[in-house]
Protein backbone atom coordinates (compact mmCIF):
# COMPACT_ATOMS: atom_id res chain seq x y z
CA MET A 1 34.69 20.83 -18.05
CA LEU A 2 32.75 20.19 -21.26
CA ASN A 3 35.90 20.58 -23.36
CA ASP A 4 37.90 18.36 -21.00
CA TYR A 5 35.51 15.44 -21.43
CA TYR A 6 35.19 16.16 -25.15
CA ARG A 7 38.97 15.82 -25.64
CA LYS A 8 39.40 12.92 -23.21
CA PHE A 9 36.89 10.72 -25.03
CA ASP A 10 37.39 12.16 -28.52
CA ALA A 11 38.59 8.86 -29.99
CA GLN A 12 35.47 7.08 -28.70
CA LYS A 13 33.15 9.96 -29.65
CA GLY A 14 32.00 10.23 -26.06
CA THR A 15 28.82 12.26 -25.58
CA GLN A 16 27.68 14.61 -22.80
CA PHE A 17 24.31 15.75 -21.45
CA VAL A 18 23.94 19.34 -20.22
CA PHE A 19 20.81 20.07 -18.17
CA SER A 20 19.44 23.48 -17.29
CA ASP A 21 15.88 24.62 -16.65
CA LEU A 22 17.01 28.26 -16.60
CA GLY A 23 17.87 30.23 -19.72
CA THR A 24 16.67 27.52 -22.10
CA TYR A 25 17.18 27.80 -25.84
CA LYS A 26 14.91 30.17 -27.77
CA PRO A 27 15.71 30.99 -31.42
CA GLY A 28 16.63 34.62 -31.99
CA GLU A 29 17.10 35.43 -28.29
CA TRP A 30 20.11 35.50 -26.00
CA ASN A 31 20.14 32.43 -23.74
CA VAL A 32 22.52 30.36 -21.67
CA TYR A 33 22.52 27.44 -24.11
CA SER A 34 23.58 29.57 -27.06
CA GLU A 35 26.20 31.45 -25.02
CA ILE A 36 27.88 28.24 -23.83
CA LYS A 37 27.79 26.85 -27.37
CA ARG A 38 29.39 30.06 -28.68
CA LYS A 39 32.24 29.77 -26.18
CA LEU A 40 32.78 26.09 -26.97
CA VAL A 41 32.92 26.79 -30.70
CA GLU A 42 34.97 30.01 -30.61
CA ASP A 43 37.30 29.34 -27.66
CA TYR A 44 37.71 25.56 -27.82
CA HIS A 45 37.08 24.96 -31.54
CA ILE A 46 34.44 22.27 -31.11
CA PRO A 47 32.46 21.87 -34.37
CA SER A 48 29.13 23.65 -34.17
CA HIS A 49 27.16 20.74 -35.63
CA GLU A 50 28.30 18.50 -32.75
CA ILE A 51 26.52 20.72 -30.20
CA ARG A 52 22.72 20.61 -30.34
CA PHE A 53 19.70 21.68 -28.29
CA ILE A 54 16.78 19.32 -27.64
CA GLN A 55 14.42 22.28 -28.10
CA GLU A 56 15.29 22.25 -31.81
CA CYS A 57 13.16 19.11 -32.19
CA LYS A 58 9.62 20.05 -33.14
CA ASN A 59 8.21 16.51 -33.22
CA GLU A 60 8.99 12.95 -32.14
CA LYS A 61 10.55 12.09 -35.50
CA ALA A 62 13.11 14.89 -35.16
CA LYS A 63 13.76 13.93 -31.55
CA LYS A 64 14.41 10.30 -32.52
CA ALA A 65 16.81 11.40 -35.24
CA MET A 66 18.75 13.51 -32.72
CA VAL A 67 18.89 10.58 -30.27
CA ASP A 68 20.21 8.28 -33.00
CA ALA A 69 22.86 10.86 -33.89
CA MET A 70 23.91 10.97 -30.21
CA ASN A 71 24.26 7.18 -30.11
CA ARG A 72 26.38 7.27 -33.29
CA GLY A 73 28.57 10.04 -31.89
CA ASP A 74 27.64 12.55 -34.59
CA ILE A 75 26.29 14.82 -31.84
CA ARG A 76 28.73 15.06 -28.93
CA ILE A 77 27.04 17.56 -26.59
CA ILE A 78 23.31 17.99 -26.12
CA PHE A 79 21.56 20.68 -24.06
CA GLY A 80 18.06 20.42 -22.66
CA SER A 81 15.65 20.97 -19.80
CA THR A 82 14.44 18.34 -17.35
CA SER A 83 11.05 18.02 -19.00
CA MET A 84 12.35 17.65 -22.57
CA LEU A 85 15.69 15.87 -22.09
CA GLY A 86 15.13 14.16 -18.74
CA THR A 87 12.65 11.52 -19.92
CA GLY A 88 12.17 9.43 -23.04
CA VAL A 89 15.70 10.02 -24.38
CA ASN A 90 17.59 6.75 -24.81
CA ALA A 91 20.90 8.22 -25.94
CA GLN A 92 23.11 6.50 -23.39
CA GLN A 93 25.35 4.41 -25.65
CA ARG A 94 28.30 6.86 -25.71
CA ALA A 95 27.53 9.02 -22.64
CA VAL A 96 30.54 9.84 -20.46
CA ALA A 97 29.36 12.83 -18.38
CA ILE A 98 26.25 14.64 -17.17
CA HIS A 99 26.35 18.34 -16.30
CA HIS A 100 23.71 19.99 -14.09
CA LEU A 101 23.95 23.75 -14.60
CA ASP A 102 21.12 24.21 -12.11
CA THR A 103 19.46 22.11 -9.46
CA PRO A 104 15.91 20.79 -9.95
CA TRP A 105 13.32 21.10 -7.21
CA ARG A 106 12.69 17.38 -6.83
CA PRO A 107 15.13 14.52 -6.16
CA SER A 108 13.22 12.45 -8.71
CA ASP A 109 14.06 15.01 -11.40
CA LEU A 110 17.75 14.68 -10.57
CA GLU A 111 17.44 10.91 -10.80
CA GLN A 112 15.67 11.20 -14.16
CA ARG A 113 18.43 13.44 -15.49
CA ASN A 114 21.17 11.07 -14.36
CA GLY A 115 19.21 8.16 -15.76
CA ARG A 116 19.85 9.38 -19.31
CA ALA A 117 23.42 8.08 -19.03
CA VAL A 118 23.63 5.98 -15.87
CA ARG A 119 21.77 3.02 -17.28
CA LYS A 120 22.14 -0.28 -19.07
CA GLY A 121 23.43 -0.05 -22.63
CA ASN A 122 26.17 2.53 -22.04
CA LEU A 123 28.91 0.95 -24.17
CA ILE A 124 31.61 3.61 -23.85
CA ALA A 125 31.37 3.82 -20.06
CA LYS A 126 31.57 0.05 -19.80
CA GLU A 127 34.60 -0.30 -22.06
CA PHE A 128 36.58 2.88 -21.42
CA ALA A 129 35.42 4.48 -18.13
CA ASP A 130 35.33 1.64 -15.61
CA ASN A 131 31.58 1.38 -16.17
CA LYS A 132 31.07 4.78 -14.53
CA VAL A 133 29.57 8.07 -15.68
CA ASP A 134 30.72 11.32 -14.11
CA VAL A 135 27.94 13.55 -12.78
CA ILE A 136 28.94 17.19 -12.33
CA ILE A 137 26.68 19.53 -10.34
CA TYR A 138 27.52 23.22 -10.59
CA ALA A 139 26.79 25.36 -7.53
CA VAL A 140 27.89 28.75 -6.23
CA GLU A 141 29.28 29.20 -2.75
CA ARG A 142 27.21 31.37 -0.42
CA SER A 143 24.32 31.63 -2.83
CA LEU A 144 20.70 30.47 -2.92
CA ASP A 145 21.98 27.18 -4.29
CA SER A 146 22.46 26.23 -0.65
CA TYR A 147 18.76 26.80 0.02
CA LYS A 148 17.81 24.69 -2.97
CA PHE A 149 20.06 21.82 -1.93
CA ASN A 150 18.51 22.03 1.53
CA LEU A 151 15.07 21.56 0.00
CA LEU A 152 16.31 18.56 -1.95
CA HIS A 153 17.86 17.19 1.22
CA ASN A 154 14.53 17.36 3.09
CA LYS A 155 12.65 15.75 0.23
CA GLN A 156 15.24 13.04 -0.23
CA LEU A 157 15.01 12.37 3.51
CA PHE A 158 11.38 11.25 3.24
CA ILE A 159 11.69 9.33 -0.01
CA ASN A 160 14.82 7.28 -0.51
CA GLN A 161 15.31 5.65 2.88
CA LEU A 162 11.63 4.91 3.39
CA LYS A 163 11.73 3.08 0.06
CA THR A 164 14.87 1.09 0.85
CA ASN A 165 13.73 0.00 4.33
CA THR A 166 17.28 -0.97 5.26
CA LEU A 167 17.59 0.60 8.70
CA GLY A 168 16.94 -1.19 11.97
CA SER A 169 15.85 2.00 13.71
CA ARG A 170 13.06 4.55 13.52
CA THR A 171 15.36 7.40 12.52
CA ILE A 172 16.14 8.40 8.94
CA ASP A 173 19.81 8.30 8.00
CA GLU A 174 21.16 11.21 5.96
CA GLY A 175 24.05 9.13 4.64
CA SER A 176 27.69 10.10 4.59
CA MET A 177 30.27 11.51 2.23
CA ASP A 178 32.33 8.59 0.98
CA GLU A 179 33.13 6.62 -2.17
CA ASP A 180 30.04 4.44 -1.90
CA SER A 181 27.28 6.95 -1.29
CA GLY A 182 28.89 10.19 -2.49
CA MET A 183 27.94 13.52 -0.93
CA ASN A 184 24.41 13.91 0.32
CA PHE A 185 22.41 17.11 0.11
CA SER A 186 22.93 18.14 3.73
CA GLU A 187 26.69 18.08 3.15
CA TYR A 188 26.25 20.15 -0.01
CA VAL A 189 24.58 22.76 2.20
CA ALA A 190 27.66 22.86 4.39
CA VAL A 191 30.05 23.10 1.43
CA LEU A 192 28.06 25.80 -0.35
CA SER A 193 27.93 27.93 2.78
CA GLY A 194 31.70 28.38 2.48
CA ASN A 195 32.16 27.42 6.14
CA THR A 196 34.16 24.20 6.59
CA ASP A 197 33.04 24.06 10.22
CA LEU A 198 29.53 23.30 8.99
CA LEU A 199 30.83 20.37 6.98
CA ASP A 200 32.81 19.09 9.97
CA LYS A 201 29.67 19.48 12.08
CA ALA A 202 27.62 17.53 9.52
CA LYS A 203 30.15 14.69 9.63
CA LEU A 204 30.22 14.73 13.43
CA ASP A 205 26.42 14.67 13.60
CA LYS A 206 26.45 11.69 11.26
CA LYS A 207 28.93 9.80 13.46
CA ILE A 208 26.99 10.70 16.60
CA ALA A 209 23.71 9.53 15.05
CA THR A 210 25.36 6.26 14.00
CA LEU A 211 26.80 5.64 17.47
CA GLU A 212 23.54 6.55 19.19
CA SER A 213 21.69 4.15 16.93
CA GLU A 214 24.29 1.49 17.70
CA ARG A 215 23.93 2.11 21.44
CA LYS A 216 20.16 1.98 21.18
CA ASN A 217 20.38 -1.36 19.38
CA PHE A 218 22.83 -2.64 22.01
CA LEU A 219 20.55 -1.66 24.89
CA ARG A 220 17.57 -3.20 23.13
CA GLU A 221 19.49 -6.44 22.59
CA ARG A 222 20.63 -6.41 26.22
CA ASP A 223 17.07 -5.96 27.44
CA THR A 224 15.96 -8.77 25.14
CA ALA A 225 18.72 -11.02 26.49
CA THR A 226 17.69 -10.21 30.06
CA GLY A 227 14.11 -11.16 29.23
CA LYS A 228 15.27 -14.37 27.55
CA LEU A 229 17.31 -15.29 30.63
CA ALA A 230 14.22 -14.85 32.79
CA GLU A 231 12.27 -17.10 30.42
CA ILE A 232 15.05 -19.69 30.47
CA ASP A 233 15.23 -19.71 34.26
CA SER A 234 11.47 -20.05 34.51
CA SER A 235 11.41 -22.86 31.95
CA VAL A 236 14.33 -24.70 33.59
CA SER A 237 12.60 -24.43 36.96
CA PHE A 238 9.37 -25.79 35.47
CA HIS A 239 11.01 -28.79 33.80
CA SER A 240 13.18 -29.46 36.84
CA ASP A 241 10.10 -29.61 39.07
CA LYS A 242 8.33 -31.93 36.63
CA ILE A 243 11.34 -34.23 36.52
CA LYS A 244 11.37 -34.46 40.31
CA GLU A 245 7.62 -35.17 40.39
CA ALA A 246 7.86 -37.81 37.67
CA LYS A 247 10.80 -39.54 39.35
CA ALA A 248 8.86 -39.64 42.64
CA ASP A 249 5.83 -41.09 40.82
CA LEU A 250 8.02 -43.68 39.11
CA GLU A 251 9.59 -44.71 42.40
CA CYS A 252 6.15 -45.03 44.00
CA PHE A 253 4.80 -47.06 41.07
CA GLU A 254 7.77 -49.44 41.11
CA LYS A 255 7.23 -50.06 44.83
CA ARG A 256 3.52 -50.81 44.44
CA VAL A 257 3.28 -52.68 41.15
CA ASP A 258 2.84 -56.46 41.02
CA ARG A 259 4.33 -58.31 38.08
CA ASP A 260 3.78 -61.76 36.62
CA THR A 261 6.40 -64.40 35.98
CA GLU A 262 7.36 -62.67 32.73
CA GLY A 263 7.90 -59.35 34.49
CA LEU A 264 4.80 -57.71 33.05
CA PRO A 265 2.70 -55.54 35.39
CA ILE A 266 -0.58 -57.01 36.56
CA ASN A 267 -3.53 -54.77 35.78
CA LYS A 268 -5.26 -53.96 39.09
CA LEU A 269 -7.71 -51.38 37.75
CA THR A 270 -10.82 -50.52 39.75
CA ILE A 271 -13.58 -48.29 38.37
CA LYS A 272 -16.44 -46.64 40.24
CA GLY A 273 -19.69 -48.52 39.82
CA VAL A 274 -17.96 -51.87 39.36
CA GLU A 275 -15.46 -51.72 42.23
CA GLY A 276 -15.75 -55.37 43.19
CA SER A 277 -15.41 -56.75 39.68
CA THR A 278 -12.18 -58.07 38.17
CA ASP A 279 -13.84 -59.07 34.91
CA ILE A 280 -12.20 -57.22 32.04
CA GLU A 281 -15.45 -57.18 30.05
CA VAL A 282 -17.40 -55.57 32.90
CA ILE A 283 -14.72 -52.97 33.62
CA ALA A 284 -14.35 -52.10 29.92
CA ALA A 285 -18.13 -51.75 29.54
CA ARG A 286 -18.19 -49.33 32.47
CA LEU A 287 -15.30 -47.32 31.00
CA HIS A 288 -17.09 -46.99 27.66
CA GLU A 289 -20.26 -45.93 29.46
CA ILE A 290 -18.32 -43.18 31.24
CA ASP A 291 -16.70 -42.20 27.96
CA GLU A 292 -20.13 -41.82 26.38
CA LYS A 293 -22.00 -40.04 29.17
CA ALA A 294 -19.48 -38.07 31.26
CA ARG A 295 -19.55 -34.26 31.01
CA THR A 296 -16.99 -32.64 33.30
CA LYS A 297 -16.94 -29.13 31.75
CA GLY A 298 -13.17 -29.15 31.49
CA GLU A 299 -12.54 -30.42 35.02
CA TYR A 300 -10.73 -33.62 36.03
CA ASN A 301 -13.16 -36.09 37.69
CA LYS A 302 -11.99 -39.23 39.47
CA VAL A 303 -13.59 -42.41 38.14
CA GLY A 304 -11.28 -45.08 39.52
CA GLU A 305 -7.89 -46.10 40.85
CA ILE A 306 -4.83 -48.16 39.93
CA TYR A 307 -1.95 -48.92 42.31
CA GLY A 308 -2.87 -45.95 44.47
CA PHE A 309 -2.96 -43.52 41.53
CA SER A 310 -6.27 -41.85 40.63
CA VAL A 311 -7.91 -42.58 37.28
CA MET A 312 -9.40 -39.35 35.91
CA VAL A 313 -11.68 -38.33 33.06
CA LYS A 314 -11.89 -34.87 31.49
CA THR A 315 -14.37 -33.53 28.96
CA GLU A 316 -12.79 -31.30 26.30
CA SER A 317 -14.60 -29.25 23.68
CA THR A 318 -13.53 -29.51 20.05
CA SER A 319 -14.81 -28.71 16.57
CA LYS A 320 -15.46 -31.17 13.79
CA ASP A 321 -16.96 -30.32 10.41
CA LEU A 322 -17.92 -26.86 11.72
CA PHE A 323 -19.85 -28.40 14.63
CA ASP A 324 -18.89 -28.16 18.31
CA CYS A 325 -18.61 -31.48 20.06
CA SER A 326 -17.33 -32.90 23.36
CA VAL A 327 -14.58 -35.49 23.70
CA ASN A 328 -13.66 -37.39 26.88
CA ARG A 329 -10.03 -38.21 27.64
CA PHE A 330 -8.72 -40.50 30.41
CA PHE A 331 -5.64 -39.89 32.59
CA VAL A 332 -3.72 -41.31 35.54
CA LYS A 333 -2.93 -38.55 38.02
CA GLY A 334 0.49 -38.55 39.68
CA GLN A 335 1.02 -37.78 43.33
CA GLU A 336 1.27 -34.04 42.63
CA SER A 337 0.42 -32.26 39.37
CA ILE A 338 1.35 -34.52 36.46
CA TYR A 339 -1.37 -36.30 34.48
CA TYR A 340 -0.09 -39.34 32.58
CA THR A 341 -1.86 -40.55 29.48
CA TYR A 342 -1.63 -43.21 26.80
CA ASN A 343 -3.01 -43.12 23.26
CA ASN A 344 -3.78 -39.45 23.86
CA GLY A 345 -6.33 -40.47 26.52
CA LYS A 346 -8.63 -42.25 24.10
CA LEU A 347 -10.07 -45.68 24.95
CA ALA A 348 -9.63 -48.58 22.57
CA SER A 349 -12.77 -50.42 21.50
CA ASP A 350 -11.22 -53.76 22.51
CA PRO A 351 -12.05 -54.44 26.23
CA LYS A 352 -8.59 -55.71 27.15
CA LEU A 353 -6.80 -52.81 25.44
CA ALA A 354 -9.21 -50.32 26.99
CA CYS A 355 -8.37 -51.56 30.49
CA GLN A 356 -4.67 -51.74 29.62
CA ASN A 357 -4.69 -48.00 28.80
CA PHE A 358 -3.94 -46.96 32.39
CA ILE A 359 -1.14 -49.37 33.21
CA ASN A 360 0.48 -48.35 29.92
CA ALA A 361 0.23 -44.69 30.98
CA LEU A 362 2.15 -45.42 34.20
CA GLU A 363 4.82 -47.35 32.32
CA ARG A 364 5.42 -44.25 30.19
CA ILE A 365 6.74 -42.28 33.19
CA PRO A 366 10.41 -42.83 32.15
CA LYS A 367 9.63 -41.34 28.73
CA VAL A 368 7.98 -38.36 30.41
CA ILE A 369 11.15 -37.80 32.46
CA GLU A 370 13.29 -38.09 29.33
CA SER A 371 11.07 -35.60 27.48
CA HIS A 372 11.40 -32.97 30.22
CA GLU A 373 15.17 -33.50 30.38
CA LYS A 374 15.49 -32.91 26.63
CA GLU A 375 13.36 -29.77 26.81
CA MET A 376 15.43 -28.43 29.69
CA GLU A 377 18.64 -29.09 27.77
CA LYS A 378 17.23 -27.41 24.68
CA VAL A 379 16.09 -24.36 26.61
CA SER A 380 19.43 -24.01 28.40
CA ALA A 381 21.50 -24.29 25.20
CA ASN A 382 21.77 -20.52 24.64
CA LYS A 383 21.84 -19.46 28.27
CA GLU A 384 25.56 -18.72 28.24
CA VAL A 385 25.20 -16.49 25.16
CA TYR A 386 22.31 -14.54 26.67
CA THR A 387 24.20 -14.21 29.97
CA THR A 388 27.18 -12.66 28.16
CA ILE A 389 24.94 -10.19 26.32
CA ALA A 390 22.90 -9.28 29.41
CA SER A 391 25.99 -8.61 31.52
CA GLY A 392 27.89 -6.77 28.79
CA ALA A 393 28.61 -3.05 28.59
CA TRP A 394 28.68 -0.86 25.48
CA LYS A 395 32.32 -0.19 24.66
CA LYS A 396 31.91 3.06 22.70
CA GLU A 397 30.43 5.25 25.43
CA ASP A 398 33.65 7.29 25.77
CA GLU A 399 33.86 7.76 22.00
CA LEU A 400 30.28 9.03 21.85
CA ARG A 401 30.87 11.39 24.77
CA SER A 402 33.98 12.76 23.06
CA LEU A 403 32.16 13.30 19.75
CA LYS A 404 29.32 15.12 21.50
CA GLY A 405 31.88 17.37 23.17
CA GLN A 406 33.47 18.14 19.80
CA ALA A 407 30.06 18.84 18.29
CA ALA A 408 29.18 21.24 21.12
CA GLU A 409 32.50 23.05 20.63
CA LEU A 410 31.84 23.35 16.88
CA ASP A 411 28.35 24.70 17.61
CA ARG A 412 29.87 27.46 19.72
CA LYS A 413 32.48 28.18 17.07
CA ILE A 414 29.88 28.36 14.30
CA ALA A 415 27.66 30.62 16.42
CA LEU A 416 30.57 33.02 16.96
CA THR A 417 31.39 32.96 13.25
CA LEU A 418 27.84 33.77 12.21
CA ALA A 419 27.33 36.47 14.86
CA PRO A 420 28.21 40.04 13.73
CA PRO A 421 31.30 41.52 15.44
CA GLU A 422 30.63 43.83 18.39
CA GLU A 423 32.49 46.68 16.68
CA GLU A 424 30.14 46.50 13.70
CA LYS A 425 27.13 46.62 16.02
CA GLU A 426 28.50 49.69 17.83
CA THR A 427 29.39 51.44 14.54
CA GLU A 428 25.92 50.75 13.17
CA GLU A 429 24.27 52.09 16.32
CA GLU A 430 26.40 55.28 16.20
CA LYS A 431 25.58 55.75 12.52
CA GLN A 432 21.86 55.43 13.22
CA GLU A 433 22.10 57.94 16.07
CA GLN A 434 23.87 60.44 13.78
CA GLU A 435 21.28 59.98 11.03
CA TYR A 436 18.19 60.18 13.18
CA GLY A 437 19.58 62.82 15.55
CA VAL A 438 18.26 63.64 18.96
CA SER A 439 14.65 63.92 17.78
CA GLY A 440 14.61 60.29 16.63
CA LYS A 441 12.80 61.18 13.37
CA GLU A 442 13.40 59.17 10.23
CA PRO A 443 15.27 60.86 7.34
CA THR A 444 13.16 62.64 4.75
CA GLN A 445 12.72 61.48 1.16
CA GLU A 446 15.24 64.09 0.06
CA THR A 447 17.92 62.79 2.45
CA ARG A 448 17.34 59.17 1.40
CA SER A 449 17.65 60.06 -2.27
CA SER A 450 20.83 62.04 -1.88
CA ALA A 451 22.42 59.12 -0.04
CA ASP A 452 22.16 57.09 -3.26
CA PRO A 453 22.93 59.46 -6.14
CA ILE A 454 22.97 56.72 -8.76
CA SER A 455 19.52 55.48 -7.87
CA HIS A 456 18.27 59.05 -7.67
CA LYS A 457 19.67 59.89 -11.07
CA GLN A 458 18.05 56.89 -12.69
CA THR A 459 14.74 57.80 -11.15
CA GLU A 460 14.92 61.28 -12.61
CA ASN A 461 16.11 60.45 -16.12
CA THR A 462 14.68 57.00 -16.89
CA PRO A 463 11.01 56.31 -17.63
CA PRO A 464 9.32 53.67 -15.45
CA SER A 465 9.03 51.12 -18.24
CA GLU A 466 12.70 51.44 -19.14
CA GLN A 467 13.67 51.12 -15.47
CA VAL A 468 11.93 47.74 -15.21
CA THR A 469 13.48 46.47 -18.44
CA GLN A 470 16.96 47.54 -17.47
CA THR A 471 16.67 46.00 -13.99
CA SER A 472 15.45 42.73 -15.46
CA GLN A 473 18.36 42.65 -17.90
CA ASP A 474 20.84 43.40 -15.13
CA ASN A 475 19.46 40.57 -12.98
CA ARG A 476 19.53 38.22 -15.92
CA GLY A 477 23.16 39.03 -16.58
CA VAL A 478 24.13 38.23 -12.99
CA MET A 479 22.25 34.95 -13.12
CA ASN A 480 23.88 33.94 -16.37
CA ARG A 481 27.36 34.81 -15.19
CA VAL A 482 26.78 32.67 -12.10
CA VAL A 483 25.78 29.66 -14.20
CA ILE A 484 28.54 29.98 -16.77
CA SER A 485 31.61 31.16 -14.88
CA LYS A 486 30.71 29.96 -11.38
CA PRO A 487 32.03 33.07 -9.54
CA LYS A 488 32.98 32.74 -5.88
CA TRP A 489 31.77 35.12 -3.18
CA ARG A 490 34.37 37.74 -2.43
């Protein structure tokens, strides 16, 4: 892979980042970095000076010089660990690929690694690679890489989607494998297990979760629409009743009112305390007295009458300049529950205008009717839409049921695949019976040793310290072969 990208972008001097926190470079010792460099130089004839290790830099000055050489294309491949190469290295100008030989423990570390090349200022990617940088993650099928990806998956679950806040549900979406989002960590787990059924199951679970979320949203919207319909019906009923009341009041007023030669209503206002007076000055003085002294504690109190309609006063509490104060407002009560008002119920200081307040309130009945009609029309505007939503049915129920059936079938198939065959169980039980015999005793140390002659021989001939060293070297060799050659499980 390294040689492929080297040759592909040779004319542009494309550069590559190689990350590994295992087997890092140490002068004078065998390590993964040096072994890969040896193969690139000897087998693929890449100049040695174009392959460098970030660990060679002993100070910031040397590190800056290496970064500048990367941006010029003098260094084509650079190796490093997450801590040394993953941050503070602005060598993105010619980067075309990032290679992860191992997987870090934190999603943020993976993002930091990728951020060395996937960032603003990458000139080669912009001009020659469709503004994209290839990220290659190396993993071994049926190995502990699967466990590590699973850890990353769980961590990513709690970080990325909580930060984006893009979902309309309380569940965390694991994403999907497509061109936009790539492969998520849970799908890596399925791939690395070597069992394609697990990958199919992961995709099915994703589809099921999406459909269930969609159904949940649909049901929530349907419930909301049902509630809105109830509110609309209640509001329409309220305004309809008020319109009927106001029309009845208007009809009654028109029958009772006396008008002058110009068609203006004659003010026949009577107020308690001055019932027999028709003098505007006297009536106005009484009204202002009531306005000043009345305290009804929020109740409507009758203080007079006009054309058979009651004149009411109501004391309301209000605040002004941080002080509580009481304000009286005057109304004309309709035949049922409507209270008509003019000038917001406040009396004018002019005697004639103060007495005219109540006849003006009655003449506003047509506007009250018009106001309720407009409100009813406004409230009913979306009724048809809410009715359609409330009476609708979710159209993907059969699809969801089918997917759940497929998922259940895959679960059974996976369980059978993972379960050991019955013949193996029987063979193992027979073998144990033969070894332990009728007495049921465990084999002696001598029997256990003879069953593994190689191990027994090493125990006899190799000192303890040499045994540990040799075992460590053997394990290291297996690990290194896994990283370099990516062997598959046989």
